[in-house]
Amino acid sequence: MAEILETKKDAALSEQYELLIKQIKSLLSKDERLITNLANLTAALKQTFDKISWVGFYLYDGELLYLGPFQGKIACTTIKIGKGVCGTAAESGGSIVVPDVNKFPGHILCDPDSKSEIVIPMFKNNKLIGVLDVDSDSYNSFNETDKKYLEEIVKFLTEEIIN
């Protein structure tokens, strides 16, 4: 695939995700390095959705989540398992949608402009790989549609791309 991403900003949210996922399946390759795939995936998400102010991966090293490829402002470099939204999602193994980060107990403030967040944990063979973290500078930016499709993207990534 050429490095051109087609977006339809005026389409329904589900249609935007379906178009994105179709392109991601052509853009990412298990023959590429993980960092390359994650970098292009973050760029594709940021380019597709105006509501995203920050998107990136925190990867698990057996002890901490450490900052991986991202798009947006500078970010926290490490997160302890069980801390903040990312660490909580990693510990629980479930996706977390946060309409207002100020109301999430123990939220880690990396960007004072962040208002809402969604975090999708990534597992391969029942082992934590990391999390996909997506932030918005608006409240209530993410919903069940985002959760469904971001989980689908992470599933594709962990099942088809990550060795």
C-alpha atoms as a PDB file:
ATOM      1  CA  MET A   1       0.000   0.000   0.000  1.00  0.00           C
ATOM      2  CA  ALA A   2       1.199   3.477  -0.760  1.00  0.00           C
ATOM      3  CA  GLU A   3       1.629   5.817   2.165  1.00  0.00           C
ATOM      4  CA  ILE A   4      -1.700   7.493   1.453  1.00  0.00           C
ATOM      5  CA  LEU A   5      -4.558   7.097   3.898  1.00  0.00           C
ATOM      6  CA  GLU A   6      -8.104   7.653   2.701  1.00  0.00           C
ATOM      7  CA  THR A   7     -10.416   9.168   5.297  1.00  0.00           C
ATOM      8  CA  LYS A   8     -14.086  10.120   5.253  1.00  0.00           C
ATOM      9  CA  LYS A   9     -14.455  12.684   8.034  1.00  0.00           C
ATOM     10  CA  ASP A  10     -18.177  13.203   7.332  1.00  0.00           C
ATOM     11  CA  ALA A  11     -19.066   9.487   7.445  1.00  0.00           C
ATOM     12  CA  ALA A  12     -20.596   7.723  10.432  1.00  0.00           C
ATOM     13  CA  LEU A  13     -18.072   6.651  13.059  1.00  0.00           C
ATOM     14  CA  SER A  14     -18.473   2.954  12.233  1.00  0.00           C
ATOM     15  CA  GLU A  15     -17.887   3.659   8.528  1.00  0.00           C
ATOM     16  CA  GLN A  16     -14.724   5.613   9.353  1.00  0.00           C
ATOM     17  CA  TYR A  17     -13.397   2.689  11.384  1.00  0.00           C
ATOM     18  CA  GLU A  18     -14.322   0.134   8.717  1.00  0.00           C
ATOM     19  CA  LEU A  19     -12.430   2.120   6.083  1.00  0.00           C
ATOM     20  CA  LEU A  20      -9.472   2.528   8.433  1.00  0.00           C
ATOM     21  CA  ILE A  21      -9.345  -1.178   9.332  1.00  0.00           C
ATOM     22  CA  LYS A  22      -9.409  -2.179   5.674  1.00  0.00           C
ATOM     23  CA  GLN A  23      -6.397   0.068   5.053  1.00  0.00           C
ATOM     24  CA  ILE A  24      -4.563  -1.012   8.221  1.00  0.00           C
ATOM     25  CA  LYS A  25      -4.746  -4.615   7.043  1.00  0.00           C
ATOM     26  CA  SER A  26      -2.823  -3.534   3.940  1.00  0.00           C
ATOM     27  CA  LEU A  27      -0.519  -1.091   5.714  1.00  0.00           C
ATOM     28  CA  LEU A  28       0.760  -3.342   8.505  1.00  0.00           C
ATOM     29  CA  SER A  29       2.900  -6.399   7.834  1.00  0.00           C
ATOM     30  CA  LYS A  30       4.332  -9.102  10.065  1.00  0.00           C
ATOM     31  CA  ASP A  31       7.456  -8.841   7.895  1.00  0.00           C
ATOM     32  CA  GLU A  32       8.078  -5.329   9.267  1.00  0.00           C
ATOM     33  CA  ARG A  33       9.535  -4.524  12.671  1.00  0.00           C
ATOM     34  CA  LEU A  34       7.039  -4.062  15.478  1.00  0.00           C
ATOM     35  CA  ILE A  35       8.060  -0.432  16.018  1.00  0.00           C
ATOM     36  CA  THR A  36       7.383   0.317  12.349  1.00  0.00           C
ATOM     37  CA  ASN A  37       3.896  -1.186  12.490  1.00  0.00           C
ATOM     38  CA  LEU A  38       3.025   0.583  15.736  1.00  0.00           C
ATOM     39  CA  ALA A  39       4.314   3.914  14.415  1.00  0.00           C
ATOM     40  CA  ASN A  40       2.206   3.683  11.252  1.00  0.00           C
ATOM     41  CA  LEU A  41      -0.835   2.535  13.207  1.00  0.00           C
ATOM     42  CA  THR A  42      -0.660   5.516  15.571  1.00  0.00           C
ATOM     43  CA  ALA A  43      -0.273   7.878  12.614  1.00  0.00           C
ATOM     44  CA  ALA A  44      -3.257   6.292  10.844  1.00  0.00           C
ATOM     45  CA  LEU A  45      -5.482   6.661  13.924  1.00  0.00           C
ATOM     46  CA  LYS A  46      -4.435  10.284  14.528  1.00  0.00           C
ATOM     47  CA  GLN A  47      -4.904  11.158  10.860  1.00  0.00           C
ATOM     48  CA  THR A  48      -8.350   9.545  10.692  1.00  0.00           C
ATOM     49  CA  PHE A  49      -9.980  11.004  13.798  1.00  0.00           C
ATOM     50  CA  ASP A  50      -9.882  14.720  14.622  1.00  0.00           C
ATOM     51  CA  LYS A  51     -11.083  13.967  18.158  1.00  0.00           C
ATOM     52  CA  ILE A  52      -7.775  12.251  18.966  1.00  0.00           C
ATOM     53  CA  SER A  53      -5.263  14.568  20.612  1.00  0.00           C
ATOM     54  CA  TRP A  54      -2.797  11.791  21.562  1.00  0.00           C
ATOM     55  CA  VAL A  55      -2.489   8.157  20.548  1.00  0.00           C
ATOM     56  CA  GLY A  56       0.224   5.689  21.310  1.00  0.00           C
ATOM     57  CA  PHE A  57       1.394   2.439  22.744  1.00  0.00           C
ATOM     58  CA  TYR A  58       2.807   1.579  26.118  1.00  0.00           C
ATOM     59  CA  LEU A  59       4.692  -1.704  25.907  1.00  0.00           C
ATOM     60  CA  TYR A  60       5.186  -4.137  28.768  1.00  0.00           C
ATOM     61  CA  ASP A  61       8.731  -5.141  29.684  1.00  0.00           C
ATOM     62  CA  GLY A  62       7.782  -7.633  32.400  1.00  0.00           C
ATOM     63  CA  GLU A  63       7.716  -4.956  35.082  1.00  0.00           C
ATOM     64  CA  LEU A  64       6.480  -1.619  33.706  1.00  0.00           C
ATOM     65  CA  LEU A  65       4.635  -0.172  30.748  1.00  0.00           C
ATOM     66  CA  TYR A  66       7.105   1.967  28.801  1.00  0.00           C
ATOM     67  CA  LEU A  67       6.372   4.555  26.132  1.00  0.00           C
ATOM     68  CA  GLY A  68       6.373   3.226  22.591  1.00  0.00           C
ATOM     69  CA  PRO A  69       5.460   4.833  19.261  1.00  0.00           C
ATOM     70  CA  PHE A  70       2.958   7.683  19.587  1.00  0.00           C
ATOM     71  CA  GLN A  71       1.502  10.788  17.952  1.00  0.00           C
ATOM     72  CA  GLY A  72       0.894  13.898  20.020  1.00  0.00           C
ATOM     73  CA  LYS A  73       2.516  15.854  22.822  1.00  0.00           C
ATOM     74  CA  ILE A  74       5.398  14.456  24.848  1.00  0.00           C
ATOM     75  CA  ALA A  75       4.229  11.793  27.285  1.00  0.00           C
ATOM     76  CA  CYS A  76       4.940   9.930  30.498  1.00  0.00           C
ATOM     77  CA  THR A  77       7.722   7.442  29.838  1.00  0.00           C
ATOM     78  CA  THR A  78       6.774   4.641  32.256  1.00  0.00           C
ATOM     79  CA  ILE A  79       3.602   3.533  34.001  1.00  0.00           C
ATOM     80  CA  LYS A  80       3.323   0.976  36.785  1.00  0.00           C
ATOM     81  CA  ILE A  81       0.882  -1.890  36.353  1.00  0.00           C
ATOM     82  CA  GLY A  82      -2.320  -1.000  38.212  1.00  0.00           C
ATOM     83  CA  LYS A  83      -1.678   2.762  38.059  1.00  0.00           C
ATOM     84  CA  GLY A  84      -3.649   5.232  35.968  1.00  0.00           C
ATOM     85  CA  VAL A  85      -5.949   4.201  33.144  1.00  0.00           C
ATOM     86  CA  CYS A  86      -3.216   2.377  31.203  1.00  0.00           C
ATOM     87  CA  GLY A  87      -1.909   0.446  34.189  1.00  0.00           C
ATOM     88  CA  THR A  88      -5.435  -0.426  35.311  1.00  0.00           C
ATOM     89  CA  ALA A  89      -6.407  -1.727  31.860  1.00  0.00           C
ATOM     90  CA  ALA A  90      -3.183  -3.757  31.727  1.00  0.00           C
ATOM     91  CA  GLU A  91      -3.843  -5.238  35.168  1.00  0.00           C
ATOM     92  CA  SER A  92      -7.539  -5.987  34.598  1.00  0.00           C
ATOM     93  CA  GLY A  93      -7.124  -7.221  31.030  1.00  0.00           C
ATOM     94  CA  GLY A  94     -10.142  -5.207  29.919  1.00  0.00           C
ATOM     95  CA  SER A  95     -10.655  -2.089  27.857  1.00  0.00           C
ATOM     96  CA  ILE A  96     -11.510   1.101  29.724  1.00  0.00           C
ATOM     97  CA  VAL A  97     -13.493   4.063  28.360  1.00  0.00           C
ATOM     98  CA  VAL A  98     -13.096   7.195  30.492  1.00  0.00           C
ATOM     99  CA  PRO A  99     -15.519  10.042  29.636  1.00  0.00           C
ATOM    100  CA  ASP A 100     -13.811  12.446  32.080  1.00  0.00           C
ATOM    101  CA  VAL A 101     -10.237  11.678  33.142  1.00  0.00           C
ATOM    102  CA  ASN A 102     -10.587  13.986  36.159  1.00  0.00           C
ATOM    103  CA  LYS A 103     -13.119  11.525  37.617  1.00  0.00           C
ATOM    104  CA  PHE A 104     -10.901   8.435  37.172  1.00  0.00           C
ATOM    105  CA  PRO A 105      -9.286   7.506  40.508  1.00  0.00           C
ATOM    106  CA  GLY A 106      -5.511   7.690  40.209  1.00  0.00           C
ATOM    107  CA  HIS A 107      -5.481   9.175  36.700  1.00  0.00           C
ATOM    108  CA  ILE A 108      -1.907  10.028  35.695  1.00  0.00           C
ATOM    109  CA  LEU A 109      -1.745  13.571  34.348  1.00  0.00           C
ATOM    110  CA  CYS A 110       0.681  13.520  31.427  1.00  0.00           C
ATOM    111  CA  ASP A 111      -1.162  16.133  29.363  1.00  0.00           C
ATOM    112  CA  PRO A 112      -3.253  18.740  31.209  1.00  0.00           C
ATOM    113  CA  ASP A 113      -5.367  19.201  28.050  1.00  0.00           C
ATOM    114  CA  SER A 114      -6.512  15.561  28.023  1.00  0.00           C
ATOM    115  CA  LYS A 115     -10.188  15.288  28.976  1.00  0.00           C
ATOM    116  CA  SER A 116     -11.239  11.758  27.953  1.00  0.00           C
ATOM    117  CA  GLU A 117      -9.441   8.523  27.187  1.00  0.00           C
ATOM    118  CA  ILE A 118      -9.810   4.955  26.003  1.00  0.00           C
ATOM    119  CA  VAL A 119      -7.266   2.214  26.683  1.00  0.00           C
ATOM    120  CA  ILE A 120      -7.212  -1.205  25.024  1.00  0.00           C
ATOM    121  CA  PRO A 121      -4.880  -3.837  26.522  1.00  0.00           C
ATOM    122  CA  MET A 122      -2.904  -6.087  24.170  1.00  0.00           C
ATOM    123  CA  PHE A 123      -2.325  -9.759  24.928  1.00  0.00           C
ATOM    124  CA  LYS A 124      -0.665 -12.514  22.908  1.00  0.00           C
ATOM    125  CA  ASN A 125      -0.886 -16.109  24.156  1.00  0.00           C
ATOM    126  CA  ASN A 126      -2.379 -14.760  27.411  1.00  0.00           C
ATOM    127  CA  LYS A 127       0.724 -12.611  28.008  1.00  0.00           C
ATOM    128  CA  LEU A 128       0.518  -8.839  28.330  1.00  0.00           C
ATOM    129  CA  ILE A 129       2.266  -7.059  25.459  1.00  0.00           C
ATOM    130  CA  GLY A 130       1.128  -3.520  26.268  1.00  0.00           C
ATOM    131  CA  VAL A 131      -1.766  -1.133  25.781  1.00  0.00           C
ATOM    132  CA  LEU A 132      -3.129   1.138  23.085  1.00  0.00           C
ATOM    133  CA  ASP A 133      -3.844   4.513  24.698  1.00  0.00           C
ATOM    134  CA  VAL A 134      -6.037   7.112  22.967  1.00  0.00           C
ATOM    135  CA  ASP A 135      -6.744  10.574  24.432  1.00  0.00           C
ATOM    136  CA  SER A 136      -8.944  13.499  23.469  1.00  0.00           C
ATOM    137  CA  ASP A 137      -8.928  17.126  24.546  1.00  0.00           C
ATOM    138  CA  SER A 138     -12.753  16.968  24.710  1.00  0.00           C
ATOM    139  CA  TYR A 139     -14.959  15.225  27.267  1.00  0.00           C
ATOM    140  CA  ASN A 140     -16.974  12.129  26.298  1.00  0.00           C
ATOM    141  CA  SER A 141     -15.060  11.592  23.055  1.00  0.00           C
ATOM    142  CA  PHE A 142     -15.057   7.790  23.104  1.00  0.00           C
ATOM    143  CA  ASN A 143     -17.923   5.314  23.221  1.00  0.00           C
ATOM    144  CA  GLU A 144     -18.789   1.670  22.651  1.00  0.00           C
ATOM    145  CA  THR A 145     -18.282   2.056  18.890  1.00  0.00           C
ATOM    146  CA  ASP A 146     -14.706   3.244  19.448  1.00  0.00           C
ATOM    147  CA  LYS A 147     -14.157   0.398  21.926  1.00  0.00           C
ATOM    148  CA  LYS A 148     -15.482  -2.227  19.498  1.00  0.00           C
ATOM    149  CA  TYR A 149     -13.339  -1.118  16.582  1.00  0.00           C
ATOM    150  CA  LEU A 150     -10.184  -0.335  18.569  1.00  0.00           C
ATOM    151  CA  GLU A 151     -10.436  -3.814  20.104  1.00  0.00           C
ATOM    152  CA  GLU A 152     -10.762  -5.212  16.570  1.00  0.00           C
ATOM    153  CA  ILE A 153      -7.626  -3.318  15.518  1.00  0.00           C
ATOM    154  CA  VAL A 154      -5.696  -4.596  18.557  1.00  0.00           C
ATOM    155  CA  LYS A 155      -6.929  -8.148  17.880  1.00  0.00           C
ATOM    156  CA  PHE A 156      -5.644  -7.914  14.291  1.00  0.00           C
ATOM    157  CA  LEU A 157      -2.355  -6.511  15.550  1.00  0.00           C
ATOM    158  CA  THR A 158      -1.815  -9.244  18.168  1.00  0.00           C
ATOM    159  CA  GLU A 159      -3.063 -12.155  16.065  1.00  0.00           C
ATOM    160  CA  GLU A 160      -1.727 -11.271  12.624  1.00  0.00           C
ATOM    161  CA  ILE A 161       1.207  -8.869  13.046  1.00  0.00           C
ATOM    162  CA  ILE A 162       3.021  -9.436  16.342  1.00  0.00           C
ATOM    163  CA  ASN A 163       5.094 -12.604  16.377  1.00  0.00           C
END
